[in-house]
Protein backbone atom coordinates (compact mmCIF):
# COMPACT_ATOMS: atom_id res chain seq x y z
CA UNK A 1 1.27 4.75 15.57
CA UNK A 2 -2.05 5.45 13.71
CA UNK A 3 -3.36 2.94 11.32
CA UNK A 4 -3.03 4.50 8.42
CA UNK A 5 0.68 5.68 8.41
CA UNK A 6 1.27 2.22 9.60
CA UNK A 7 -0.70 0.87 6.11
CA UNK A 8 1.37 3.71 3.89
CA UNK A 9 4.69 2.72 5.37
CA UNK A 10 4.32 -1.16 5.15
CA UNK A 11 2.98 -0.39 1.04
CA UNK A 12 6.29 1.98 0.23
CA UNK A 13 8.07 -0.84 2.22
CA UNK A 14 7.11 -3.31 0.06
CA UNK A 15 6.77 -1.03 -3.06
CA UNK A 16 10.67 -1.01 -2.79
CA UNK A 17 10.47 2.69 -4.21
CA UNK A 18 10.25 6.09 -3.13
CA UNK A 19 7.23 6.82 -5.02
CA UNK A 20 4.49 4.95 -6.40
CA UNK A 21 1.38 5.77 -8.42
CA UNK A 22 -2.30 5.64 -7.47
CA UNK A 23 -2.71 2.20 -9.27
CA UNK A 24 0.69 0.34 -7.74
CA UNK A 25 -0.49 1.31 -4.62
CA UNK A 26 -3.51 0.11 -4.86
CA UNK A 27 -2.37 -3.08 -6.04
CA UNK A 28 0.13 -3.68 -3.50
CA UNK A 29 -3.16 -3.29 -1.08
CA UNK A 30 -5.15 -5.63 -2.85
CA UNK A 31 -2.43 -8.17 -4.60
CA UNK A 32 0.65 -8.22 -2.55
CA UNK A 33 -0.32 -7.72 1.14
CA UNK A 34 -4.34 -9.02 0.20
CA UNK A 35 -5.52 -6.84 2.62
CA UNK A 36 -8.10 -5.01 1.08
CA UNK A 37 -10.94 -5.46 -1.78
CA UNK A 38 -10.37 -2.60 -4.79
CA UNK A 39 -12.98 -0.27 -3.35
CA UNK A 40 -11.27 -0.47 0.16
CA UNK A 41 -8.06 0.17 -1.17
CA UNK A 42 -8.97 2.97 -3.18
CA UNK A 43 -10.52 4.39 0.19
CA UNK A 44 -7.38 3.63 1.83
CA UNK A 45 -5.05 5.52 -0.91
CA UNK A 46 -7.75 8.70 -0.78
CA UNK A 47 -7.95 8.40 2.48
CA UNK A 48 -3.91 8.90 3.12
CA UNK A 49 -3.79 11.68 0.60
CA UNK A 50 -6.27 13.40 2.03
CA UNK A 51 -4.59 13.09 5.57
CA UNK A 52 -1.33 14.62 5.03
CA UNK A 53 0.08 11.13 4.95
CA UNK A 54 0.97 10.89 1.24
CA UNK A 55 1.58 14.38 -1.85
CA UNK A 56 1.31 14.03 -4.78
CA UNK A 57 4.52 14.97 -7.05
CA UNK A 58 4.28 16.63 -11.00
CA UNK A 59 4.61 13.48 -12.10
CA UNK A 60 1.14 12.49 -10.28
CA UNK A 61 3.16 9.99 -8.29
CA UNK A 62 2.57 9.64 -4.52
CA UNK A 63 5.63 9.95 -1.87
CA UNK A 64 4.99 9.38 1.73
CA UNK A 65 4.80 13.05 3.83
CA UNK A 66 6.70 11.30 6.83
CA UNK A 67 10.63 9.55 7.09
CA UNK A 68 10.00 6.03 6.27
CA UNK A 69 13.27 5.24 7.90
CA UNK A 70 12.24 6.18 11.27
CA UNK A 71 8.67 4.31 10.69
CA UNK A 72 9.41 0.71 12.33
CA UNK A 73 6.84 -1.56 10.50
CA UNK A 74 5.88 -5.02 12.30
CA UNK A 75 6.92 -7.89 9.60
CA UNK A 76 3.39 -9.56 11.09
CA UNK A 77 1.25 -6.03 11.05
CA UNK A 78 -2.31 -6.76 9.18
CA UNK A 79 -4.45 -4.05 10.03
CA UNK A 80 -7.57 -5.19 11.43
CA UNK A 81 -10.31 -6.79 9.85
CA UNK A 82 -12.56 -4.48 10.71
CA UNK A 83 -11.27 -1.58 9.95
CA UNK A 84 -13.76 1.09 8.58
CA UNK A 85 -11.81 2.76 5.57
CA UNK A 86 -14.57 5.62 5.51
CA UNK A 87 -12.96 6.52 8.52
CA UNK A 88 -9.49 6.96 8.36
CA UNK A 89 -9.27 10.64 7.30
CA UNK A 90 -8.25 12.76 10.23
CA UNK A 91 -9.95 16.02 10.21
CA UNK A 92 -8.79 19.09 8.67
CA UNK A 93 -8.22 21.41 11.42
CA UNK A 94 -6.10 18.44 13.11
CA UNK A 95 -3.99 18.22 9.96
CA UNK A 96 -3.86 22.18 9.34
CA UNK A 97 -2.57 22.57 13.11
CA UNK A 98 -0.11 19.52 12.79
CA UNK A 99 2.01 21.14 9.90
CA UNK A 100 2.00 24.43 11.45
CA UNK A 101 3.59 22.65 14.58
CA UNK A 102 6.13 20.73 12.28
CA UNK A 103 7.48 24.42 11.96
CA UNK A 104 8.32 24.83 15.24
CA UNK A 105 5.63 25.67 17.73
CA UNK A 106 4.73 23.39 20.19
CA UNK A 107 0.90 22.39 20.07
CA UNK A 108 0.31 24.91 23.21
CA UNK A 109 1.90 27.59 21.80
CA UNK A 110 0.62 27.13 18.35
CA UNK A 111 -3.13 26.90 19.32
CA UNK A 112 -2.69 30.44 21.39
CA UNK A 113 -1.38 32.11 18.17
CA UNK A 114 -3.94 30.68 16.23
CA UNK A 115 -6.51 32.05 18.36
CA UNK A 116 -4.81 35.24 18.85
CA UNK A 117 -4.84 35.81 14.87
CA UNK A 118 -8.44 35.00 15.10
CA UNK A 119 -9.37 37.72 17.58
CA UNK A 120 -6.55 40.59 15.66
CA UNK A 121 -7.88 39.65 12.24
CA UNK A 122 -11.36 38.40 12.75
CA UNK A 123 -11.30 35.76 10.49
CA UNK A 124 -12.46 32.40 10.81
CA UNK A 125 -10.15 29.82 12.86
CA UNK A 126 -8.80 28.03 9.55
CA UNK A 127 -8.11 31.22 8.16
CA UNK A 128 -5.95 32.20 11.01
CA UNK A 129 -4.48 28.24 10.67
CA UNK A 130 -3.31 29.45 6.89
CA UNK A 131 -1.93 32.84 8.03
CA UNK A 132 0.11 31.32 11.08
CA UNK A 133 1.23 28.23 9.15
CA UNK A 134 2.54 31.01 6.25
CA UNK A 135 4.00 33.19 8.60
CA UNK A 136 6.05 30.41 9.96
CA UNK A 137 7.41 29.14 6.50
CA UNK A 138 5.14 26.01 6.05
CA UNK A 139 3.35 25.01 3.20
CA UNK A 140 -0.40 25.07 4.10
CA UNK A 141 -1.49 24.97 0.09
CA UNK A 142 -2.68 21.56 0.06
CA UNK A 143 -5.34 23.13 2.80
CA UNK A 144 -6.61 25.70 0.51
CA UNK A 145 -9.57 23.86 -1.54
CA UNK A 146 -10.67 22.07 1.61
CA UNK A 147 -10.57 25.34 3.56
CA UNK A 148 -12.60 27.31 0.64
CA UNK A 149 -15.00 24.24 0.74
CA UNK A 150 -15.43 24.55 4.88
CA UNK A 151 -16.36 28.10 4.14
CA UNK A 152 -18.62 28.12 1.25
CA UNK A 153 -20.05 24.83 1.89
CA UNK A 154 -19.79 23.87 5.01
CA UNK A 155 -18.00 20.87 4.02
CA UNK A 156 -15.50 18.53 6.66
């Protein structure tokens, strides 16, 4: 399990709730767990949301996007002291393809289908990923702004 997912799981298990505000999550990281200073805690929360491990509900509360019941975090778990929180965000395309895979395709078939769409529609790869995800019934809306920024400004 990757570090960020472990951190999110530990926070939500300690938080005893299915949803937390950003402030509650930061406070658990800073005061309850004593893992990070305030700036690093804020980076972890931002990275977890950007990496797709958290979703924001209509009430602005954060909920994990993975099954907490099947996530085991050792009681003695602590993130590495040298953890560089600025590098925790997974790349956009990796997160997008993972979303497509969750719709029922294996990785190889997903990439093959996406590459086929790139050729057929003559679109950029991220646009083809969104199109394939939508065809498969996946919610691709969390990626729209990032893909737009990537296309327009070359960000991420």
